Amino acid sequence: METNASDHDLIEVMKRYFAVKAEVEEVKSRLETARRSNGEEIAAFYDPRTNPDHAADIIRSHALKQEMVRLMNWAEAWGRQSLTPSEA
């Protein structure tokens, strides 16, 4: 199977997606460990305005999740444009 520049772009996007996903999981794990050890409710703990100790991680988690959505949207658009009418 031959690949072109567009295929390579998709590969790079998906590599980035899975790297971001791994970082989200690591941040989430760290936050959940802290939340449980503090015995805090989910809503209160994950509000960066009321949790200054973990606000940077909470905000980072949200930004990473937004990046995952953006990357997946790009991949989906790539998939739609690569389909020919007979494949749709």
C-alpha atoms as a PDB file:
ATOM      1  CA  MET A   1       0.000   0.000   0.000  1.00  0.00           C
ATOM      2  CA  GLU A   2       1.368   3.380  -0.977  1.00  0.00           C
ATOM      3  CA  THR A   3       1.116   6.352   1.314  1.00  0.00           C
ATOM      4  CA  ASN A   4       1.106  10.005   0.411  1.00  0.00           C
ATOM      5  CA  ALA A   5       1.737  13.219   2.330  1.00  0.00           C
ATOM      6  CA  SER A   6      -1.872  13.326   3.515  1.00  0.00           C
ATOM      7  CA  ASP A   7      -1.553   9.797   4.904  1.00  0.00           C
ATOM      8  CA  HIS A   8       1.601  10.803   6.755  1.00  0.00           C
ATOM      9  CA  ASP A   9      -0.243  13.814   8.185  1.00  0.00           C
ATOM     10  CA  LEU A  10      -2.948  11.500   9.503  1.00  0.00           C
ATOM     11  CA  ILE A  11      -0.331   9.247  11.078  1.00  0.00           C
ATOM     12  CA  GLU A  12       1.242  12.223  12.842  1.00  0.00           C
ATOM     13  CA  VAL A  13      -2.160  13.460  14.031  1.00  0.00           C
ATOM     14  CA  MET A  14      -3.004  10.040  15.435  1.00  0.00           C
ATOM     15  CA  LYS A  15       0.398   9.762  17.137  1.00  0.00           C
ATOM     16  CA  ARG A  16      -0.273  13.128  18.769  1.00  0.00           C
ATOM     17  CA  TYR A  17      -3.811  12.043  19.709  1.00  0.00           C
ATOM     18  CA  PHE A  18      -2.562   8.955  21.547  1.00  0.00           C
ATOM     19  CA  ALA A  19       0.241  10.906  23.238  1.00  0.00           C
ATOM     20  CA  VAL A  20      -2.297  13.464  24.467  1.00  0.00           C
ATOM     21  CA  LYS A  21      -4.649  10.674  25.557  1.00  0.00           C
ATOM     22  CA  ALA A  22      -1.859   9.105  27.627  1.00  0.00           C
ATOM     23  CA  GLU A  23      -1.123  12.471  29.246  1.00  0.00           C
ATOM     24  CA  VAL A  24      -4.825  12.968  30.046  1.00  0.00           C
ATOM     25  CA  GLU A  25      -4.918   9.574  31.722  1.00  0.00           C
ATOM     26  CA  GLU A  26      -1.803  10.375  33.754  1.00  0.00           C
ATOM     27  CA  VAL A  27      -3.174  13.752  34.895  1.00  0.00           C
ATOM     28  CA  LYS A  28      -6.570  12.208  35.685  1.00  0.00           C
ATOM     29  CA  SER A  29      -4.942   9.462  37.723  1.00  0.00           C
ATOM     30  CA  ARG A  30      -2.908  12.006  39.687  1.00  0.00           C
ATOM     31  CA  LEU A  31      -5.994  14.151  40.317  1.00  0.00           C
ATOM     32  CA  GLU A  32      -8.150  11.200  41.348  1.00  0.00           C
ATOM     33  CA  THR A  33      -5.494  10.007  43.784  1.00  0.00           C
ATOM     34  CA  ALA A  34      -5.388  13.467  45.355  1.00  0.00           C
ATOM     35  CA  ARG A  35      -9.192  13.748  45.436  1.00  0.00           C
ATOM     36  CA  ARG A  36      -9.630  10.405  47.118  1.00  0.00           C
ATOM     37  CA  SER A  37      -6.878  11.028  49.644  1.00  0.00           C
ATOM     38  CA  ASN A  38      -8.553  14.338  50.548  1.00  0.00           C
ATOM     39  CA  GLY A  39     -12.001  12.712  50.651  1.00  0.00           C
ATOM     40  CA  GLU A  40     -13.479  15.476  48.506  1.00  0.00           C
ATOM     41  CA  GLU A  41     -16.584  15.381  46.346  1.00  0.00           C
ATOM     42  CA  ILE A  42     -15.988  15.289  42.597  1.00  0.00           C
ATOM     43  CA  ALA A  43     -17.725  18.593  41.772  1.00  0.00           C
ATOM     44  CA  ALA A  44     -15.896  20.567  44.431  1.00  0.00           C
ATOM     45  CA  PHE A  45     -12.501  19.033  43.742  1.00  0.00           C
ATOM     46  CA  TYR A  46     -12.581  19.528  39.965  1.00  0.00           C
ATOM     47  CA  ASP A  47     -13.519  23.215  40.130  1.00  0.00           C
ATOM     48  CA  PRO A  48     -10.229  25.081  39.592  1.00  0.00           C
ATOM     49  CA  ARG A  49     -11.717  28.210  41.185  1.00  0.00           C
ATOM     50  CA  THR A  50     -12.176  26.425  44.510  1.00  0.00           C
ATOM     51  CA  ASN A  51      -9.167  24.100  44.310  1.00  0.00           C
ATOM     52  CA  PRO A  52      -6.063  26.236  43.828  1.00  0.00           C
ATOM     53  CA  ASP A  53      -3.727  23.390  44.821  1.00  0.00           C
ATOM     54  CA  HIS A  54      -4.737  21.369  41.759  1.00  0.00           C
ATOM     55  CA  ALA A  55      -6.044  24.109  39.461  1.00  0.00           C
ATOM     56  CA  ALA A  56      -3.122  23.822  37.024  1.00  0.00           C
ATOM     57  CA  ASP A  57      -3.712  20.091  36.516  1.00  0.00           C
ATOM     58  CA  ILE A  58      -7.479  20.566  36.207  1.00  0.00           C
ATOM     59  CA  ILE A  59      -7.046  23.275  33.587  1.00  0.00           C
ATOM     60  CA  ARG A  60      -4.387  21.214  31.790  1.00  0.00           C
ATOM     61  CA  SER A  61      -6.739  18.231  31.711  1.00  0.00           C
ATOM     62  CA  HIS A  62      -9.476  20.325  30.099  1.00  0.00           C
ATOM     63  CA  ALA A  63      -7.056  21.742  27.519  1.00  0.00           C
ATOM     64  CA  LEU A  64      -5.765  18.281  26.644  1.00  0.00           C
ATOM     65  CA  LYS A  65      -9.294  16.945  26.214  1.00  0.00           C
ATOM     66  CA  GLN A  66     -10.079  19.844  23.879  1.00  0.00           C
ATOM     67  CA  GLU A  67      -6.954  19.019  21.892  1.00  0.00           C
ATOM     68  CA  MET A  68      -8.074  15.393  21.615  1.00  0.00           C
ATOM     69  CA  VAL A  69     -11.410  16.547  20.186  1.00  0.00           C
ATOM     70  CA  ARG A  70      -9.657  18.839  17.713  1.00  0.00           C
ATOM     71  CA  LEU A  71      -7.305  16.076  16.585  1.00  0.00           C
ATOM     72  CA  MET A  72     -10.124  13.565  16.187  1.00  0.00           C
ATOM     73  CA  ASN A  73     -12.178  16.086  14.231  1.00  0.00           C
ATOM     74  CA  TRP A  74      -9.212  16.523  11.884  1.00  0.00           C
ATOM     75  CA  ALA A  75      -8.899  12.745  11.482  1.00  0.00           C
ATOM     76  CA  GLU A  76     -12.625  12.397  10.802  1.00  0.00           C
ATOM     77  CA  ALA A  77     -12.483  15.153   8.187  1.00  0.00           C
ATOM     78  CA  TRP A  78      -9.509  13.397   6.592  1.00  0.00           C
ATOM     79  CA  GLY A  79     -11.510  10.169   6.485  1.00  0.00           C
ATOM     80  CA  ARG A  80     -14.527  11.850   4.903  1.00  0.00           C
ATOM     81  CA  GLN A  81     -12.468  13.465   2.169  1.00  0.00           C
ATOM     82  CA  SER A  82     -10.596  10.248   1.385  1.00  0.00           C
ATOM     83  CA  LEU A  83     -13.814   8.309   0.717  1.00  0.00           C
ATOM     84  CA  THR A  84     -14.833   8.073  -2.885  1.00  0.00           C
ATOM     85  CA  PRO A  85     -18.553   8.202  -3.764  1.00  0.00           C
ATOM     86  CA  SER A  86     -18.578   4.439  -4.386  1.00  0.00           C
ATOM     87  CA  GLU A  87     -17.203   3.768  -0.865  1.00  0.00           C
ATOM     88  CA  ALA A  88     -19.628   6.066   0.963  1.00  0.00           C
END
